[in-house]
Amino acid sequence: MDFDLGLILKIFVLLNPLASVPILFLAYEQKLDVRAIAFKSALLALGVAMIFIFVGPMLFEIYGISMNSFRVAGGIVVVLLGLSMARGGKDYSGTKQDAIVSLIATPLLTGPATMSFLIITSAELGALPVLANLFIAFLAVAVLFLLVAYLMPNINLEYVSFISRLLGLFLVGLGVEMIAAGAKVLLLGAPA
């Protein structure tokens, strides 16, 4: 199985595990088990992502949606996620352990942008290559989460916020590319 570093990085940026750090920090402040939350969240998000890799392309057929229409729609969602990340400023106070796991797993790790990208990519490349690269991206998420859990008392959320905002700009670019590729075919009939 070939691993594509570019695809792994795109998936990792879409998963945006840094957006989950403030929530993990909240769990830490509430004296909850941060490692368990991080592990369960990553595992649940991986399961959701795997379902969309295998089921997503079939949804095109069921609903009569073309790949390029979904590429444009997914690109818009990715742009919106990127803009949201770049602007920052979410408050997740008042949640408990199971709610935190659900919140991190979806929509933070596997939200609409990630699902759209996985569906489109698996329809283009096939489920197995995307799945192999997805596992590597989630391995990186798990490593990051373990580091965060270990370093929690020393984390400066300002730095995490800055890096997350920077990654948001890259997501905006990825979303624009998705929109352009889909629109090119839909509007001009040119190959993607």
C-alpha atoms as a PDB file:
ATOM      1  CA  MET A   1       0.000   0.000   0.000  1.00  0.00           C
ATOM      2  CA  ASP A   2       1.414   3.372  -1.020  1.00  0.00           C
ATOM      3  CA  PHE A   3       1.405   6.143   1.513  1.00  0.00           C
ATOM      4  CA  ASP A   4       0.997   9.658   0.171  1.00  0.00           C
ATOM      5  CA  LEU A   5       2.526  12.227   2.520  1.00  0.00           C
ATOM      6  CA  GLY A   6       0.541  15.012   0.855  1.00  0.00           C
ATOM      7  CA  LEU A   7      -2.732  13.166   1.416  1.00  0.00           C
ATOM      8  CA  ILE A   8      -1.787  12.317   5.003  1.00  0.00           C
ATOM      9  CA  LEU A   9      -1.026  15.988   5.698  1.00  0.00           C
ATOM     10  CA  LYS A  10      -4.293  17.142   4.095  1.00  0.00           C
ATOM     11  CA  ILE A  11      -6.260  14.688   6.230  1.00  0.00           C
ATOM     12  CA  PHE A  12      -4.315  15.692   9.354  1.00  0.00           C
ATOM     13  CA  VAL A  13      -4.973  19.401   8.750  1.00  0.00           C
ATOM     14  CA  LEU A  14      -8.658  18.683   8.107  1.00  0.00           C
ATOM     15  CA  LEU A  15      -8.845  16.656  11.315  1.00  0.00           C
ATOM     16  CA  ASN A  16      -7.318  19.703  13.022  1.00  0.00           C
ATOM     17  CA  PRO A  17      -6.500  18.072  16.351  1.00  0.00           C
ATOM     18  CA  LEU A  18      -5.243  21.419  17.669  1.00  0.00           C
ATOM     19  CA  ALA A  19      -8.840  22.669  17.746  1.00  0.00           C
ATOM     20  CA  SER A  20      -9.494  19.962  20.344  1.00  0.00           C
ATOM     21  CA  VAL A  21      -6.725  21.111  22.712  1.00  0.00           C
ATOM     22  CA  PRO A  22      -8.861  23.788  24.452  1.00  0.00           C
ATOM     23  CA  ILE A  23     -11.533  21.148  25.067  1.00  0.00           C
ATOM     24  CA  LEU A  24      -8.945  18.722  26.412  1.00  0.00           C
ATOM     25  CA  PHE A  25      -7.693  21.560  28.608  1.00  0.00           C
ATOM     26  CA  LEU A  26     -11.248  22.086  29.873  1.00  0.00           C
ATOM     27  CA  ALA A  27     -11.416  18.368  30.719  1.00  0.00           C
ATOM     28  CA  TYR A  28      -8.103  18.695  32.556  1.00  0.00           C
ATOM     29  CA  GLU A  29      -9.441  21.648  34.570  1.00  0.00           C
ATOM     30  CA  GLN A  30     -12.542  19.608  35.455  1.00  0.00           C
ATOM     31  CA  LYS A  31     -10.258  16.792  36.705  1.00  0.00           C
ATOM     32  CA  LEU A  32     -11.472  14.396  33.992  1.00  0.00           C
ATOM     33  CA  ASP A  33      -9.288  11.679  32.449  1.00  0.00           C
ATOM     34  CA  VAL A  34      -7.737  13.580  29.513  1.00  0.00           C
ATOM     35  CA  ARG A  35      -5.924  10.526  28.110  1.00  0.00           C
ATOM     36  CA  ALA A  36      -9.122   8.466  28.067  1.00  0.00           C
ATOM     37  CA  ILE A  37     -11.042  11.313  26.454  1.00  0.00           C
ATOM     38  CA  ALA A  38      -8.333  11.778  23.822  1.00  0.00           C
ATOM     39  CA  PHE A  39      -8.149   8.047  23.056  1.00  0.00           C
ATOM     40  CA  LYS A  40     -11.927   7.541  22.873  1.00  0.00           C
ATOM     41  CA  SER A  41     -12.359  10.675  20.763  1.00  0.00           C
ATOM     42  CA  ALA A  42      -9.722   9.626  18.235  1.00  0.00           C
ATOM     43  CA  LEU A  43     -11.107   6.083  18.048  1.00  0.00           C
ATOM     44  CA  LEU A  44     -14.698   7.276  17.568  1.00  0.00           C
ATOM     45  CA  ALA A  45     -13.615   9.820  14.930  1.00  0.00           C
ATOM     46  CA  LEU A  46     -11.641   7.122  13.082  1.00  0.00           C
ATOM     47  CA  GLY A  47     -14.734   4.913  13.032  1.00  0.00           C
ATOM     48  CA  VAL A  48     -16.882   7.736  11.651  1.00  0.00           C
ATOM     49  CA  ALA A  49     -14.271   8.541   8.999  1.00  0.00           C
ATOM     50  CA  MET A  50     -14.013   4.887   7.949  1.00  0.00           C
ATOM     51  CA  ILE A  51     -17.785   4.658   7.522  1.00  0.00           C
ATOM     52  CA  PHE A  52     -17.773   7.691   5.248  1.00  0.00           C
ATOM     53  CA  ILE A  53     -14.885   6.339   3.181  1.00  0.00           C
ATOM     54  CA  PHE A  54     -16.857   3.202   2.361  1.00  0.00           C
ATOM     55  CA  VAL A  55     -20.433   4.519   2.339  1.00  0.00           C
ATOM     56  CA  GLY A  56     -19.862   8.040   1.018  1.00  0.00           C
ATOM     57  CA  PRO A  57     -19.327   7.242  -2.668  1.00  0.00           C
ATOM     58  CA  MET A  58     -22.551   5.185  -2.662  1.00  0.00           C
ATOM     59  CA  LEU A  59     -24.400   8.274  -1.469  1.00  0.00           C
ATOM     60  CA  PHE A  60     -23.545   9.963  -4.769  1.00  0.00           C
ATOM     61  CA  GLU A  61     -25.506   7.305  -6.598  1.00  0.00           C
ATOM     62  CA  ILE A  62     -28.418   7.220  -4.164  1.00  0.00           C
ATOM     63  CA  TYR A  63     -28.960  10.986  -4.234  1.00  0.00           C
ATOM     64  CA  GLY A  64     -27.910  11.571  -7.843  1.00  0.00           C
ATOM     65  CA  ILE A  65     -25.130  13.972  -6.903  1.00  0.00           C
ATOM     66  CA  SER A  66     -22.200  14.314  -9.259  1.00  0.00           C
ATOM     67  CA  MET A  67     -18.666  14.147  -7.929  1.00  0.00           C
ATOM     68  CA  ASN A  68     -18.025  17.718  -9.060  1.00  0.00           C
ATOM     69  CA  SER A  69     -21.165  19.105  -7.397  1.00  0.00           C
ATOM     70  CA  PHE A  70     -20.091  17.465  -4.162  1.00  0.00           C
ATOM     71  CA  ARG A  71     -16.548  18.743  -4.686  1.00  0.00           C
ATOM     72  CA  VAL A  72     -17.870  22.311  -4.856  1.00  0.00           C
ATOM     73  CA  ALA A  73     -20.135  21.768  -1.826  1.00  0.00           C
ATOM     74  CA  GLY A  74     -17.308  20.118   0.112  1.00  0.00           C
ATOM     75  CA  GLY A  75     -14.956  22.921  -0.895  1.00  0.00           C
ATOM     76  CA  ILE A  76     -17.381  25.485   0.496  1.00  0.00           C
ATOM     77  CA  VAL A  77     -17.551  23.560   3.792  1.00  0.00           C
ATOM     78  CA  VAL A  78     -13.744  23.326   3.912  1.00  0.00           C
ATOM     79  CA  VAL A  79     -13.461  27.087   3.269  1.00  0.00           C
ATOM     80  CA  LEU A  80     -15.978  27.792   6.046  1.00  0.00           C
ATOM     81  CA  LEU A  81     -14.074  25.510   8.438  1.00  0.00           C
ATOM     82  CA  GLY A  82     -10.810  27.206   7.480  1.00  0.00           C
ATOM     83  CA  LEU A  83     -12.310  30.644   8.061  1.00  0.00           C
ATOM     84  CA  SER A  84     -13.688  29.515  11.406  1.00  0.00           C
ATOM     85  CA  MET A  85     -10.278  28.165  12.407  1.00  0.00           C
ATOM     86  CA  ALA A  86      -8.497  31.295  11.213  1.00  0.00           C
ATOM     87  CA  ARG A  87     -10.830  33.512  13.249  1.00  0.00           C
ATOM     88  CA  GLY A  88     -10.806  31.276  16.363  1.00  0.00           C
ATOM     89  CA  GLY A  89     -12.817  32.102  19.462  1.00  0.00           C
ATOM     90  CA  LYS A  90     -15.006  29.099  20.367  1.00  0.00           C
ATOM     91  CA  ASP A  91     -16.157  28.473  23.932  1.00  0.00           C
ATOM     92  CA  TYR A  92     -16.906  24.919  25.006  1.00  0.00           C
ATOM     93  CA  SER A  93     -17.336  25.420  28.745  1.00  0.00           C
ATOM     94  CA  GLY A  94     -19.648  23.302  30.841  1.00  0.00           C
ATOM     95  CA  THR A  95     -19.297  19.908  29.135  1.00  0.00           C
ATOM     96  CA  LYS A  96     -18.777  16.483  30.764  1.00  0.00           C
ATOM     97  CA  GLN A  97     -16.605  13.512  29.762  1.00  0.00           C
ATOM     98  CA  ASP A  98     -18.945  11.701  27.320  1.00  0.00           C
ATOM     99  CA  ALA A  99     -20.066  14.993  25.802  1.00  0.00           C
ATOM    100  CA  ILE A 100     -16.432  16.025  25.410  1.00  0.00           C
ATOM    101  CA  VAL A 101     -15.613  12.745  23.636  1.00  0.00           C
ATOM    102  CA  SER A 102     -18.531  13.256  21.241  1.00  0.00           C
ATOM    103  CA  LEU A 103     -17.647  16.896  20.639  1.00  0.00           C
ATOM    104  CA  ILE A 104     -14.014  16.123  19.825  1.00  0.00           C
ATOM    105  CA  ALA A 105     -14.814  13.061  17.675  1.00  0.00           C
ATOM    106  CA  THR A 106     -17.457  14.832  15.630  1.00  0.00           C
ATOM    107  CA  PRO A 107     -17.730  17.630  14.604  1.00  0.00           C
ATOM    108  CA  LEU A 108     -14.188  18.698  15.561  1.00  0.00           C
ATOM    109  CA  LEU A 109     -12.138  15.805  14.155  1.00  0.00           C
ATOM    110  CA  THR A 110     -14.602  14.383  11.647  1.00  0.00           C
ATOM    111  CA  GLY A 111     -16.858  17.250  10.758  1.00  0.00           C
ATOM    112  CA  PRO A 112     -18.486  18.006   7.414  1.00  0.00           C
ATOM    113  CA  ALA A 113     -15.255  19.252   5.835  1.00  0.00           C
ATOM    114  CA  THR A 114     -13.341  16.090   6.721  1.00  0.00           C
ATOM    115  CA  MET A 115     -16.207  13.857   5.626  1.00  0.00           C
ATOM    116  CA  SER A 116     -16.593  15.715   2.319  1.00  0.00           C
ATOM    117  CA  PHE A 117     -12.890  15.445   1.590  1.00  0.00           C
ATOM    118  CA  LEU A 118     -12.786  11.729   2.476  1.00  0.00           C
ATOM    119  CA  ILE A 119     -15.816  10.926   0.331  1.00  0.00           C
ATOM    120  CA  ILE A 120     -14.424  12.769  -2.680  1.00  0.00           C
ATOM    121  CA  THR A 121     -10.927  11.351  -2.271  1.00  0.00           C
ATOM    122  CA  SER A 122     -12.137   7.778  -1.790  1.00  0.00           C
ATOM    123  CA  ALA A 123     -14.363   8.088  -4.865  1.00  0.00           C
ATOM    124  CA  GLU A 124     -11.326   9.277  -6.856  1.00  0.00           C
ATOM    125  CA  LEU A 125      -8.576   7.024  -5.452  1.00  0.00           C
ATOM    126  CA  GLY A 126     -10.509   4.101  -4.002  1.00  0.00           C
ATOM    127  CA  ALA A 127     -11.338   3.302  -0.412  1.00  0.00           C
ATOM    128  CA  LEU A 128      -8.262   1.270   0.504  1.00  0.00           C
ATOM    129  CA  PRO A 129      -5.569   3.839  -0.374  1.00  0.00           C
ATOM    130  CA  VAL A 130      -7.493   6.567   1.467  1.00  0.00           C
ATOM    131  CA  LEU A 131      -8.038   4.252   4.431  1.00  0.00           C
ATOM    132  CA  ALA A 132      -4.301   3.478   4.694  1.00  0.00           C
ATOM    133  CA  ASN A 133      -3.423   7.180   4.671  1.00  0.00           C
ATOM    134  CA  LEU A 134      -6.259   7.928   7.085  1.00  0.00           C
ATOM    135  CA  PHE A 135      -4.775   5.483   9.611  1.00  0.00           C
ATOM    136  CA  ILE A 136      -1.418   7.278   9.439  1.00  0.00           C
ATOM    137  CA  ALA A 137      -3.118  10.669   9.899  1.00  0.00           C
ATOM    138  CA  PHE A 138      -5.018   9.337  12.908  1.00  0.00           C
ATOM    139  CA  LEU A 139      -1.827   7.850  14.299  1.00  0.00           C
ATOM    140  CA  ALA A 140      -0.365  11.370  14.178  1.00  0.00           C
ATOM    141  CA  VAL A 141      -3.505  12.694  15.918  1.00  0.00           C
ATOM    142  CA  ALA A 142      -3.152  10.038  18.639  1.00  0.00           C
ATOM    143  CA  VAL A 143       0.516  10.926  19.174  1.00  0.00           C
ATOM    144  CA  LEU A 144      -0.345  14.622  19.377  1.00  0.00           C
ATOM    145  CA  PHE A 145      -3.177  13.921  21.836  1.00  0.00           C
ATOM    146  CA  LEU A 146      -0.871  11.830  24.032  1.00  0.00           C
ATOM    147  CA  LEU A 147       1.701  14.616  24.033  1.00  0.00           C
ATOM    148  CA  VAL A 148      -0.984  17.144  24.905  1.00  0.00           C
ATOM    149  CA  ALA A 149      -2.263  14.951  27.761  1.00  0.00           C
ATOM    150  CA  TYR A 150       1.260  14.557  29.088  1.00  0.00           C
ATOM    151  CA  LEU A 151       2.185  18.237  28.720  1.00  0.00           C
ATOM    152  CA  MET A 152      -1.209  19.634  29.752  1.00  0.00           C
ATOM    153  CA  PRO A 153       0.067  21.600  32.791  1.00  0.00           C
ATOM    154  CA  ASN A 154       2.615  23.424  30.594  1.00  0.00           C
ATOM    155  CA  ILE A 155       0.523  24.180  27.484  1.00  0.00           C
ATOM    156  CA  ASN A 156       0.077  27.793  26.456  1.00  0.00           C
ATOM    157  CA  LEU A 157      -3.274  27.947  24.673  1.00  0.00           C
ATOM    158  CA  GLU A 158      -2.235  31.157  22.884  1.00  0.00           C
ATOM    159  CA  TYR A 159       0.376  29.226  20.879  1.00  0.00           C
ATOM    160  CA  VAL A 160      -2.094  26.440  20.123  1.00  0.00           C
ATOM    161  CA  SER A 161      -4.604  29.019  18.944  1.00  0.00           C
ATOM    162  CA  PHE A 162      -2.025  30.687  16.686  1.00  0.00           C
ATOM    163  CA  ILE A 163      -1.016  27.396  15.043  1.00  0.00           C
ATOM    164  CA  SER A 164      -4.659  26.380  14.606  1.00  0.00           C
ATOM    165  CA  ARG A 165      -5.407  29.725  12.932  1.00  0.00           C
ATOM    166  CA  LEU A 166      -2.442  29.287  10.620  1.00  0.00           C
ATOM    167  CA  LEU A 167      -3.672  25.827   9.630  1.00  0.00           C
ATOM    168  CA  GLY A 168      -7.065  27.417   8.976  1.00  0.00           C
ATOM    169  CA  LEU A 169      -5.509  29.480   6.202  1.00  0.00           C
ATOM    170  CA  PHE A 170      -4.232  26.300   4.556  1.00  0.00           C
ATOM    171  CA  LEU A 171      -7.722  24.825   4.790  1.00  0.00           C
ATOM    172  CA  VAL A 172      -9.178  27.876   3.055  1.00  0.00           C
ATOM    173  CA  GLY A 173      -6.690  27.290   0.225  1.00  0.00           C
ATOM    174  CA  LEU A 174      -7.606  23.584   0.026  1.00  0.00           C
ATOM    175  CA  GLY A 175     -11.296  24.467  -0.065  1.00  0.00           C
ATOM    176  CA  VAL A 176     -10.772  26.998  -2.847  1.00  0.00           C
ATOM    177  CA  GLU A 177      -8.898  24.346  -4.853  1.00  0.00           C
ATOM    178  CA  MET A 178     -11.799  21.899  -4.360  1.00  0.00           C
ATOM    179  CA  ILE A 179     -14.327  24.529  -5.451  1.00  0.00           C
ATOM    180  CA  ALA A 180     -12.231  25.495  -8.490  1.00  0.00           C
ATOM    181  CA  ALA A 181     -11.787  21.866  -9.598  1.00  0.00           C
ATOM    182  CA  GLY A 182     -15.511  21.128  -9.330  1.00  0.00           C
ATOM    183  CA  ALA A 183     -16.636  24.406 -10.864  1.00  0.00           C
ATOM    184  CA  LYS A 184     -14.217  23.973 -13.764  1.00  0.00           C
ATOM    185  CA  VAL A 185     -16.006  20.792 -14.787  1.00  0.00           C
ATOM    186  CA  LEU A 186     -19.525  21.952 -13.964  1.00  0.00           C
ATOM    187  CA  LEU A 187     -19.289  25.334 -15.662  1.00  0.00           C
ATOM    188  CA  LEU A 188     -16.824  24.756 -18.467  1.00  0.00           C
ATOM    189  CA  GLY A 189     -17.079  21.020 -19.060  1.00  0.00           C
ATOM    190  CA  ALA A 190     -13.288  20.788 -18.709  1.00  0.00           C
ATOM    191  CA  PRO A 191     -11.622  17.774 -17.117  1.00  0.00           C
ATOM    192  CA  ALA A 192     -10.940  18.163 -13.369  1.00  0.00           C
END
